[in-house]
Amino acid sequence: MNYLDLKLDNDTYELLNKRFNGNKEAMEAYVKEIVIKEIKKTDPGSNKSSKKKNDSNLENYLKSAKPGSRSYGIKGQGW
């Protein structure tokens, strides 16, 4: 496991200290959770980006059919 020391401004530290009643382990866990969530939001390999890719593939597939042609969808499932 790697460690990272964070330097917080006094106001931020006091808010954390007050919120967790001085429990430094709880403060550390909270900060770690927030950092992990934020990194996952911007991680190109996360589920969000692959979902966007899948959505755009589906959208492109649906747009490739002629309007009203019923040429897309599950085989044999026309309207």
C-alpha atoms as a PDB file:
ATOM      1  CA  MET A   1       0.000   0.000   0.000  1.00  0.00           C
ATOM      2  CA  ASN A   2       1.204   3.494  -0.824  1.00  0.00           C
ATOM      3  CA  TYR A   3       0.692   6.534   1.337  1.00  0.00           C
ATOM      4  CA  LEU A   4       0.003  10.146   0.522  1.00  0.00           C
ATOM      5  CA  ASP A   5       0.169  12.972   3.030  1.00  0.00           C
ATOM      6  CA  LEU A   6      -2.377  15.698   2.363  1.00  0.00           C
ATOM      7  CA  LYS A   7      -2.050  19.244   3.566  1.00  0.00           C
ATOM      8  CA  LEU A   8      -5.435  20.827   4.166  1.00  0.00           C
ATOM      9  CA  ASP A   9      -6.238  24.424   4.902  1.00  0.00           C
ATOM     10  CA  ASN A  10      -7.328  25.091   8.483  1.00  0.00           C
ATOM     11  CA  ASP A  11     -11.013  25.558   7.646  1.00  0.00           C
ATOM     12  CA  THR A  12     -11.257  22.260   5.753  1.00  0.00           C
ATOM     13  CA  TYR A  13      -9.432  20.395   8.493  1.00  0.00           C
ATOM     14  CA  GLU A  14     -11.664  21.880  11.180  1.00  0.00           C
ATOM     15  CA  LEU A  15     -14.810  20.922   9.244  1.00  0.00           C
ATOM     16  CA  LEU A  16     -13.579  17.334   8.930  1.00  0.00           C
ATOM     17  CA  ASN A  17     -12.477  17.273  12.548  1.00  0.00           C
ATOM     18  CA  LYS A  18     -15.877  18.527  13.701  1.00  0.00           C
ATOM     19  CA  ARG A  19     -17.815  16.177  11.422  1.00  0.00           C
ATOM     20  CA  PHE A  20     -15.942  13.086  12.660  1.00  0.00           C
ATOM     21  CA  ASN A  21     -15.403  14.206  16.275  1.00  0.00           C
ATOM     22  CA  GLY A  22     -11.631  14.117  15.894  1.00  0.00           C
ATOM     23  CA  ASN A  23     -11.576  10.497  14.688  1.00  0.00           C
ATOM     24  CA  LYS A  24      -8.654  10.624  12.259  1.00  0.00           C
ATOM     25  CA  GLU A  25      -9.305   7.121  10.912  1.00  0.00           C
ATOM     26  CA  ALA A  26     -12.853   8.122   9.952  1.00  0.00           C
ATOM     27  CA  MET A  27     -11.562  11.345   8.399  1.00  0.00           C
ATOM     28  CA  GLU A  28      -9.018   9.381   6.375  1.00  0.00           C
ATOM     29  CA  ALA A  29     -11.621   6.858   5.196  1.00  0.00           C
ATOM     30  CA  TYR A  30     -13.962   9.669   4.134  1.00  0.00           C
ATOM     31  CA  VAL A  31     -11.284  11.503   2.146  1.00  0.00           C
ATOM     32  CA  LYS A  32     -10.133   8.251   0.546  1.00  0.00           C
ATOM     33  CA  GLU A  33     -13.712   7.432  -0.518  1.00  0.00           C
ATOM     34  CA  ILE A  34     -14.158  10.856  -2.112  1.00  0.00           C
ATOM     35  CA  VAL A  35     -10.863  10.611  -3.997  1.00  0.00           C
ATOM     36  CA  ILE A  36     -11.735   7.140  -5.320  1.00  0.00           C
ATOM     37  CA  LYS A  37     -15.182   8.312  -6.509  1.00  0.00           C
ATOM     38  CA  GLU A  38     -13.705  11.340  -8.275  1.00  0.00           C
ATOM     39  CA  ILE A  39     -11.001   9.288  -9.987  1.00  0.00           C
ATOM     40  CA  LYS A  40     -13.576   6.768 -11.211  1.00  0.00           C
ATOM     41  CA  LYS A  41     -15.612   9.610 -12.720  1.00  0.00           C
ATOM     42  CA  THR A  42     -12.692  10.656 -14.917  1.00  0.00           C
ATOM     43  CA  ASP A  43     -11.120   7.234 -15.512  1.00  0.00           C
ATOM     44  CA  PRO A  44     -11.332   6.406 -19.234  1.00  0.00           C
ATOM     45  CA  GLY A  45     -11.646   2.709 -18.420  1.00  0.00           C
ATOM     46  CA  SER A  46     -14.625   3.138 -16.114  1.00  0.00           C
ATOM     47  CA  ASN A  47     -18.119   1.853 -16.873  1.00  0.00           C
ATOM     48  CA  LYS A  48     -19.417   5.312 -17.711  1.00  0.00           C
ATOM     49  CA  SER A  49     -17.161   5.766 -20.714  1.00  0.00           C
ATOM     50  CA  SER A  50     -17.827   2.258 -22.019  1.00  0.00           C
ATOM     51  CA  LYS A  51     -21.572   2.889 -21.598  1.00  0.00           C
ATOM     52  CA  LYS A  52     -21.230   6.088 -23.641  1.00  0.00           C
ATOM     53  CA  LYS A  53     -19.375   4.141 -26.317  1.00  0.00           C
ATOM     54  CA  ASN A  54     -22.085   1.473 -26.406  1.00  0.00           C
ATOM     55  CA  ASP A  55     -24.809   4.123 -26.527  1.00  0.00           C
ATOM     56  CA  SER A  56     -23.149   5.877 -29.458  1.00  0.00           C
ATOM     57  CA  ASN A  57     -22.687   2.541 -31.283  1.00  0.00           C
ATOM     58  CA  LEU A  58     -26.394   1.798 -30.862  1.00  0.00           C
ATOM     59  CA  GLU A  59     -27.316   5.295 -31.942  1.00  0.00           C
ATOM     60  CA  ASN A  60     -25.130   5.019 -35.059  1.00  0.00           C
ATOM     61  CA  TYR A  61     -26.638   1.624 -35.867  1.00  0.00           C
ATOM     62  CA  LEU A  62     -30.178   2.926 -35.570  1.00  0.00           C
ATOM     63  CA  LYS A  63     -29.387   6.012 -37.639  1.00  0.00           C
ATOM     64  CA  SER A  64     -27.868   3.890 -40.414  1.00  0.00           C
ATOM     65  CA  ALA A  65     -31.257   2.379 -41.315  1.00  0.00           C
ATOM     66  CA  LYS A  66     -33.601   4.175 -43.676  1.00  0.00           C
ATOM     67  CA  PRO A  67     -36.490   5.845 -41.833  1.00  0.00           C
ATOM     68  CA  GLY A  68     -39.558   3.633 -41.839  1.00  0.00           C
ATOM     69  CA  SER A  69     -37.670   0.661 -43.267  1.00  0.00           C
ATOM     70  CA  ARG A  70     -37.956  -1.497 -40.158  1.00  0.00           C
ATOM     71  CA  SER A  71     -34.546  -2.893 -41.025  1.00  0.00           C
ATOM     72  CA  TYR A  72     -33.208  -2.685 -37.496  1.00  0.00           C
ATOM     73  CA  GLY A  73     -34.074  -4.632 -34.394  1.00  0.00           C
ATOM     74  CA  ILE A  74     -33.965  -8.290 -33.524  1.00  0.00           C
ATOM     75  CA  LYS A  75     -34.160 -10.474 -36.585  1.00  0.00           C
ATOM     76  CA  GLY A  76     -37.765 -11.351 -37.373  1.00  0.00           C
ATOM     77  CA  GLN A  77     -39.173  -8.765 -34.980  1.00  0.00           C
ATOM     78  CA  GLY A  78     -40.729  -6.330 -37.455  1.00  0.00           C
ATOM     79  CA  TRP A  79     -43.659  -4.141 -36.512  1.00  0.00           C
END
